[in-house]
Amino acid sequence: MSARDPRARRRAARPGQGMHAAGTLMGEHLPFESVPYFWTDRFDAKLRRVGRISPDGTIAVLRHEENSLVAAYGRDGVIRGAVCVDAPRQLATLRNAIAQRADFREIAGSGITPVTTTP
C-alpha cells in the first residue's frame, strides 16, 4: 500500500473530518487536510509511519536504541514524514510537526547528522 493509496489515510482521517465538518457548519471555509498514517504490529514491535516518505528527501535518525527507533524525513527544509518503532509519544509529536509543516532542521536537532538519500 503506497502513501498515496486512499486506504492508508481513511481511518486516521475520520476524526479530523468530523471536526472539519463542524467548522464548515460554523462558517469556516478551509480545505480538509490530514496527515497520512500507517501502522502495523509485528511480533513485539509496533511500527508507525506518518506523513509522506520519499527517496529524494533527507533522513534524520532521532533515536536508535535496542528496542526502538525514531526517524524523521524532510524535503525542502520541511518535515514531511516520520517512522517510529515502539515510540508512541514521539509519533504524536512528529505528527503534529508534519501537520504544522515544521522546519526540518529544528526537528532533526543539533548533533544529528542528516543522511541525504539519492533517487
N, C-alpha and C. Protein backbone atom coordinates (compact mmCIF):
# COMPACT_ATOMS: atom_id res chain seq x y z
N MET A 1 0.85 -1.17 0.00
CA MET A 1 0.00 0.00 0.00
C MET A 1 0.90 1.24 0.00
N SER A 2 0.73 2.08 -0.97
CA SER A 2 1.57 3.27 -1.08
C SER A 2 0.99 4.41 -0.25
N ALA A 3 1.82 5.45 -0.03
CA ALA A 3 1.39 6.60 0.75
C ALA A 3 0.26 7.35 0.05
N ARG A 4 0.14 7.20 -1.26
CA ARG A 4 -0.91 7.89 -2.00
C ARG A 4 -2.21 7.08 -2.07
N ASP A 5 -2.16 5.84 -1.61
CA ASP A 5 -3.34 4.99 -1.61
C ASP A 5 -4.34 5.51 -0.58
N PRO A 6 -5.58 5.79 -0.98
CA PRO A 6 -6.55 6.34 -0.04
C PRO A 6 -6.84 5.44 1.15
N ARG A 7 -6.63 4.12 1.01
CA ARG A 7 -6.87 3.22 2.14
C ARG A 7 -5.91 3.51 3.29
N ALA A 8 -4.71 4.01 2.98
CA ALA A 8 -3.72 4.30 4.03
C ALA A 8 -4.16 5.47 4.89
N ARG A 9 -5.06 6.30 4.39
CA ARG A 9 -5.46 7.51 5.11
C ARG A 9 -6.85 7.43 5.71
N ARG A 10 -7.64 6.50 5.27
CA ARG A 10 -9.07 6.50 5.57
C ARG A 10 -9.39 6.54 7.07
N ARG A 11 -8.88 5.61 7.84
CA ARG A 11 -9.24 5.53 9.26
C ARG A 11 -8.69 6.69 10.06
N ALA A 12 -7.45 7.06 9.82
CA ALA A 12 -6.84 8.14 10.59
C ALA A 12 -7.49 9.48 10.30
N ALA A 13 -8.09 9.65 9.15
CA ALA A 13 -8.68 10.93 8.77
C ALA A 13 -10.07 11.13 9.37
N ARG A 14 -10.72 10.09 9.82
CA ARG A 14 -12.11 10.20 10.27
C ARG A 14 -12.32 11.24 11.37
N PRO A 15 -11.56 11.26 12.47
CA PRO A 15 -11.80 12.28 13.49
C PRO A 15 -11.62 13.69 12.95
N GLY A 16 -10.64 13.90 12.13
CA GLY A 16 -10.40 15.22 11.55
C GLY A 16 -11.52 15.65 10.61
N GLN A 17 -12.11 14.69 9.92
CA GLN A 17 -13.21 15.02 9.02
C GLN A 17 -14.41 15.53 9.80
N GLY A 18 -14.67 14.93 10.95
CA GLY A 18 -15.77 15.39 11.79
C GLY A 18 -15.55 16.81 12.29
N MET A 19 -14.34 17.10 12.72
CA MET A 19 -14.02 18.45 13.19
C MET A 19 -14.11 19.44 12.04
N HIS A 20 -13.65 19.03 10.86
CA HIS A 20 -13.72 19.90 9.69
C HIS A 20 -15.17 20.18 9.32
N ALA A 21 -16.02 19.15 9.35
CA ALA A 21 -17.44 19.33 9.04
C ALA A 21 -18.09 20.30 10.02
N ALA A 22 -17.77 20.16 11.30
CA ALA A 22 -18.32 21.08 12.31
C ALA A 22 -17.87 22.51 12.04
N GLY A 23 -16.60 22.68 11.69
CA GLY A 23 -16.10 24.02 11.37
C GLY A 23 -16.79 24.61 10.16
N THR A 24 -17.05 23.77 9.16
CA THR A 24 -17.75 24.24 7.97
C THR A 24 -19.16 24.71 8.32
N LEU A 25 -19.84 23.95 9.19
CA LEU A 25 -21.18 24.34 9.62
C LEU A 25 -21.16 25.67 10.39
N MET A 26 -20.02 25.95 11.04
CA MET A 26 -19.90 27.19 11.80
C MET A 26 -19.37 28.35 10.95
N GLY A 27 -19.19 28.12 9.65
CA GLY A 27 -18.80 29.20 8.75
C GLY A 27 -17.35 29.21 8.29
N GLU A 28 -16.55 28.26 8.75
CA GLU A 28 -15.16 28.19 8.27
C GLU A 28 -15.16 27.59 6.87
N HIS A 29 -14.32 28.12 6.01
CA HIS A 29 -14.25 27.62 4.64
C HIS A 29 -12.80 27.27 4.30
N LEU A 30 -12.27 26.28 5.00
CA LEU A 30 -10.90 25.83 4.80
C LEU A 30 -10.91 24.44 4.17
N PRO A 31 -9.92 24.13 3.32
CA PRO A 31 -9.87 22.78 2.74
C PRO A 31 -9.51 21.75 3.82
N PHE A 32 -10.01 20.54 3.68
CA PHE A 32 -9.69 19.48 4.63
C PHE A 32 -8.31 18.92 4.31
N GLU A 33 -7.46 18.82 5.31
CA GLU A 33 -6.13 18.23 5.17
C GLU A 33 -5.90 17.29 6.33
N SER A 34 -5.27 16.17 6.05
CA SER A 34 -4.89 15.24 7.11
C SER A 34 -3.50 14.69 6.82
N VAL A 35 -2.84 14.22 7.86
CA VAL A 35 -1.51 13.62 7.73
C VAL A 35 -1.71 12.12 7.55
N PRO A 36 -1.22 11.55 6.42
CA PRO A 36 -1.35 10.10 6.22
C PRO A 36 -0.71 9.32 7.37
N TYR A 37 -1.30 8.19 7.70
CA TYR A 37 -0.86 7.40 8.85
C TYR A 37 -0.97 5.92 8.49
N PHE A 38 0.05 5.17 8.88
CA PHE A 38 0.07 3.73 8.63
C PHE A 38 0.63 3.05 9.87
N TRP A 39 0.10 1.88 10.22
CA TRP A 39 0.64 1.16 11.36
C TRP A 39 0.59 -0.33 11.09
N THR A 40 1.46 -1.04 11.77
CA THR A 40 1.44 -2.50 11.76
C THR A 40 2.13 -2.98 13.03
N ASP A 41 1.69 -4.09 13.53
CA ASP A 41 2.31 -4.72 14.69
C ASP A 41 2.93 -6.03 14.23
N ARG A 42 4.21 -6.17 14.48
CA ARG A 42 4.94 -7.38 14.10
C ARG A 42 5.67 -7.90 15.33
N PHE A 43 5.31 -9.10 15.73
CA PHE A 43 5.88 -9.72 16.91
C PHE A 43 5.73 -8.76 18.08
N ASP A 44 6.80 -8.30 18.70
CA ASP A 44 6.70 -7.38 19.83
C ASP A 44 6.91 -5.92 19.41
N ALA A 45 7.04 -5.65 18.13
CA ALA A 45 7.32 -4.29 17.66
C ALA A 45 6.07 -3.64 17.08
N LYS A 46 5.89 -2.38 17.39
CA LYS A 46 4.80 -1.58 16.84
C LYS A 46 5.40 -0.52 15.92
N LEU A 47 5.21 -0.72 14.63
CA LEU A 47 5.74 0.19 13.62
C LEU A 47 4.65 1.16 13.20
N ARG A 48 4.97 2.46 13.23
CA ARG A 48 4.03 3.50 12.83
C ARG A 48 4.73 4.44 11.85
N ARG A 49 3.99 4.87 10.80
CA ARG A 49 4.53 5.84 9.87
C ARG A 49 3.50 6.94 9.70
N VAL A 50 3.96 8.18 9.73
CA VAL A 50 3.10 9.33 9.49
C VAL A 50 3.70 10.18 8.38
N GLY A 51 2.84 10.89 7.65
CA GLY A 51 3.33 11.76 6.58
C GLY A 51 3.68 10.98 5.34
N ARG A 52 4.44 11.64 4.49
CA ARG A 52 4.86 11.04 3.22
C ARG A 52 6.38 10.92 3.21
N ILE A 53 6.84 9.77 2.83
CA ILE A 53 8.26 9.49 2.80
C ILE A 53 8.65 9.20 1.36
N SER A 54 9.67 9.90 0.88
CA SER A 54 10.11 9.68 -0.49
C SER A 54 11.63 9.55 -0.52
N PRO A 55 12.16 8.90 -1.54
CA PRO A 55 13.61 8.67 -1.60
C PRO A 55 14.42 9.93 -1.90
N ASP A 56 13.78 11.03 -2.27
CA ASP A 56 14.54 12.24 -2.62
C ASP A 56 14.64 13.23 -1.46
N GLY A 57 14.44 12.77 -0.26
CA GLY A 57 14.50 13.65 0.91
C GLY A 57 15.73 13.43 1.76
N THR A 58 15.66 13.93 2.98
CA THR A 58 16.73 13.81 3.94
C THR A 58 16.20 13.04 5.15
N ILE A 59 17.03 12.15 5.69
CA ILE A 59 16.63 11.33 6.84
C ILE A 59 17.46 11.76 8.04
N ALA A 60 16.79 11.92 9.18
CA ALA A 60 17.49 12.17 10.44
C ALA A 60 17.02 11.12 11.44
N VAL A 61 17.96 10.32 11.93
CA VAL A 61 17.62 9.34 12.97
C VAL A 61 17.65 10.09 14.30
N LEU A 62 16.48 10.23 14.91
CA LEU A 62 16.36 10.98 16.14
C LEU A 62 16.63 10.13 17.37
N ARG A 63 16.32 8.86 17.26
CA ARG A 63 16.58 7.93 18.38
C ARG A 63 16.75 6.54 17.81
N HIS A 64 17.79 5.86 18.27
CA HIS A 64 18.03 4.49 17.86
C HIS A 64 18.54 3.73 19.06
N GLU A 65 17.66 2.92 19.62
CA GLU A 65 18.02 2.10 20.77
C GLU A 65 17.76 0.64 20.43
N GLU A 66 18.08 -0.23 21.34
CA GLU A 66 17.92 -1.65 21.08
C GLU A 66 16.49 -2.02 20.68
N ASN A 67 15.50 -1.42 21.34
CA ASN A 67 14.11 -1.79 21.09
C ASN A 67 13.26 -0.69 20.47
N SER A 68 13.85 0.41 20.04
CA SER A 68 13.04 1.46 19.44
C SER A 68 13.85 2.27 18.43
N LEU A 69 13.11 2.93 17.55
CA LEU A 69 13.71 3.75 16.51
C LEU A 69 12.77 4.90 16.20
N VAL A 70 13.32 6.09 16.01
CA VAL A 70 12.56 7.24 15.56
C VAL A 70 13.38 7.91 14.46
N ALA A 71 12.78 8.05 13.28
CA ALA A 71 13.45 8.70 12.16
C ALA A 71 12.50 9.71 11.54
N ALA A 72 13.03 10.87 11.17
CA ALA A 72 12.24 11.92 10.52
C ALA A 72 12.73 12.09 9.09
N TYR A 73 11.82 12.41 8.20
CA TYR A 73 12.13 12.62 6.79
C TYR A 73 11.76 14.05 6.41
N GLY A 74 12.70 14.74 5.78
CA GLY A 74 12.44 16.11 5.37
C GLY A 74 12.75 16.33 3.90
N ARG A 75 12.12 17.34 3.34
CA ARG A 75 12.39 17.75 1.97
C ARG A 75 12.09 19.24 1.87
N ASP A 76 12.96 19.96 1.19
CA ASP A 76 12.80 21.40 1.01
C ASP A 76 12.74 22.14 2.35
N GLY A 77 13.47 21.63 3.36
CA GLY A 77 13.55 22.29 4.66
C GLY A 77 12.37 22.06 5.58
N VAL A 78 11.41 21.21 5.16
CA VAL A 78 10.20 20.97 5.94
C VAL A 78 10.11 19.49 6.28
N ILE A 79 9.67 19.18 7.50
CA ILE A 79 9.45 17.77 7.84
C ILE A 79 8.26 17.25 7.06
N ARG A 80 8.43 16.09 6.42
CA ARG A 80 7.38 15.52 5.57
C ARG A 80 6.85 14.19 6.09
N GLY A 81 7.67 13.48 6.90
CA GLY A 81 7.24 12.17 7.37
C GLY A 81 8.10 11.69 8.51
N ALA A 82 7.66 10.60 9.13
CA ALA A 82 8.41 10.00 10.23
C ALA A 82 8.06 8.52 10.34
N VAL A 83 9.01 7.77 10.85
CA VAL A 83 8.80 6.36 11.17
C VAL A 83 9.18 6.17 12.62
N CYS A 84 8.32 5.51 13.37
CA CYS A 84 8.58 5.24 14.78
C CYS A 84 8.34 3.77 15.06
N VAL A 85 9.27 3.13 15.72
CA VAL A 85 9.11 1.76 16.18
C VAL A 85 9.11 1.81 17.70
N ASP A 86 8.01 1.41 18.30
CA ASP A 86 7.84 1.42 19.75
C ASP A 86 8.17 2.77 20.36
N ALA A 87 7.62 3.83 19.78
CA ALA A 87 7.85 5.19 20.28
C ALA A 87 6.57 6.03 20.09
N PRO A 88 5.50 5.72 20.83
CA PRO A 88 4.22 6.40 20.60
C PRO A 88 4.23 7.89 20.93
N ARG A 89 4.96 8.30 21.93
CA ARG A 89 4.99 9.74 22.27
C ARG A 89 5.65 10.56 21.17
N GLN A 90 6.75 10.06 20.65
CA GLN A 90 7.44 10.76 19.58
C GLN A 90 6.57 10.80 18.32
N LEU A 91 5.81 9.74 18.09
CA LEU A 91 4.93 9.71 16.93
C LEU A 91 3.92 10.86 16.98
N ALA A 92 3.29 11.07 18.13
CA ALA A 92 2.31 12.15 18.26
C ALA A 92 2.96 13.52 18.04
N THR A 93 4.15 13.71 18.59
CA THR A 93 4.86 14.97 18.41
C THR A 93 5.21 15.21 16.95
N LEU A 94 5.71 14.18 16.29
CA LEU A 94 6.10 14.32 14.89
C LEU A 94 4.89 14.48 13.98
N ARG A 95 3.80 13.84 14.31
CA ARG A 95 2.58 14.00 13.51
C ARG A 95 2.11 15.46 13.55
N ASN A 96 2.15 16.07 14.73
CA ASN A 96 1.79 17.48 14.86
C ASN A 96 2.76 18.37 14.07
N ALA A 97 4.04 18.05 14.14
CA ALA A 97 5.05 18.83 13.42
C ALA A 97 4.82 18.75 11.90
N ILE A 98 4.44 17.58 11.41
CA ILE A 98 4.18 17.41 9.98
C ILE A 98 2.95 18.24 9.59
N ALA A 99 1.91 18.18 10.40
CA ALA A 99 0.69 18.94 10.12
C ALA A 99 0.96 20.45 10.09
N GLN A 100 1.90 20.91 10.93
CA GLN A 100 2.23 22.33 11.00
C GLN A 100 3.33 22.72 10.03
N ARG A 101 3.84 21.75 9.26
CA ARG A 101 4.93 21.97 8.30
C ARG A 101 6.15 22.61 8.98
N ALA A 102 6.56 21.99 10.08
CA ALA A 102 7.67 22.50 10.88
C ALA A 102 9.00 22.41 10.13
N ASP A 103 9.93 23.23 10.56
CA ASP A 103 11.27 23.27 9.98
C ASP A 103 11.99 21.96 10.29
N PHE A 104 12.49 21.30 9.26
CA PHE A 104 13.15 20.01 9.43
C PHE A 104 14.41 20.11 10.28
N ARG A 105 15.17 21.19 10.13
CA ARG A 105 16.40 21.34 10.92
C ARG A 105 16.11 21.41 12.41
N GLU A 106 15.02 22.06 12.79
CA GLU A 106 14.66 22.12 14.20
C GLU A 106 14.26 20.75 14.72
N ILE A 107 13.54 19.99 13.91
CA ILE A 107 13.13 18.65 14.31
C ILE A 107 14.35 17.74 14.44
N ALA A 108 15.24 17.83 13.47
CA ALA A 108 16.43 16.98 13.49
C ALA A 108 17.30 17.29 14.70
N GLY A 109 17.30 18.54 15.16
CA GLY A 109 18.05 18.90 16.36
C GLY A 109 19.54 19.00 16.13
N SER A 110 20.21 19.50 17.10
CA SER A 110 21.67 19.64 16.99
C SER A 110 22.34 18.31 17.31
N GLY A 111 23.46 18.08 16.67
CA GLY A 111 24.24 16.87 16.94
C GLY A 111 23.84 15.68 16.09
N ILE A 112 22.78 15.78 15.33
CA ILE A 112 22.36 14.68 14.47
C ILE A 112 22.74 15.02 13.04
N THR A 113 23.44 14.15 12.41
CA THR A 113 23.86 14.37 11.04
C THR A 113 22.85 13.74 10.11
N PRO A 114 22.06 14.56 9.39
CA PRO A 114 21.10 14.00 8.45
C PRO A 114 21.81 13.28 7.31
N VAL A 115 21.16 12.27 6.78
CA VAL A 115 21.67 11.49 5.67
C VAL A 115 20.86 11.86 4.45
N THR A 116 21.48 12.40 3.43
CA THR A 116 20.77 12.75 2.20
C THR A 116 20.74 11.52 1.31
N THR A 117 19.55 11.16 0.86
CA THR A 117 19.41 9.98 0.00
C THR A 117 19.43 10.44 -1.46
N THR A 118 19.78 9.51 -2.32
CA THR A 118 19.77 9.82 -3.75
C THR A 118 18.75 8.92 -4.42
N PRO A 119 17.98 9.47 -5.35
CA PRO A 119 16.95 8.65 -6.02
C PRO A 119 17.56 7.59 -6.91
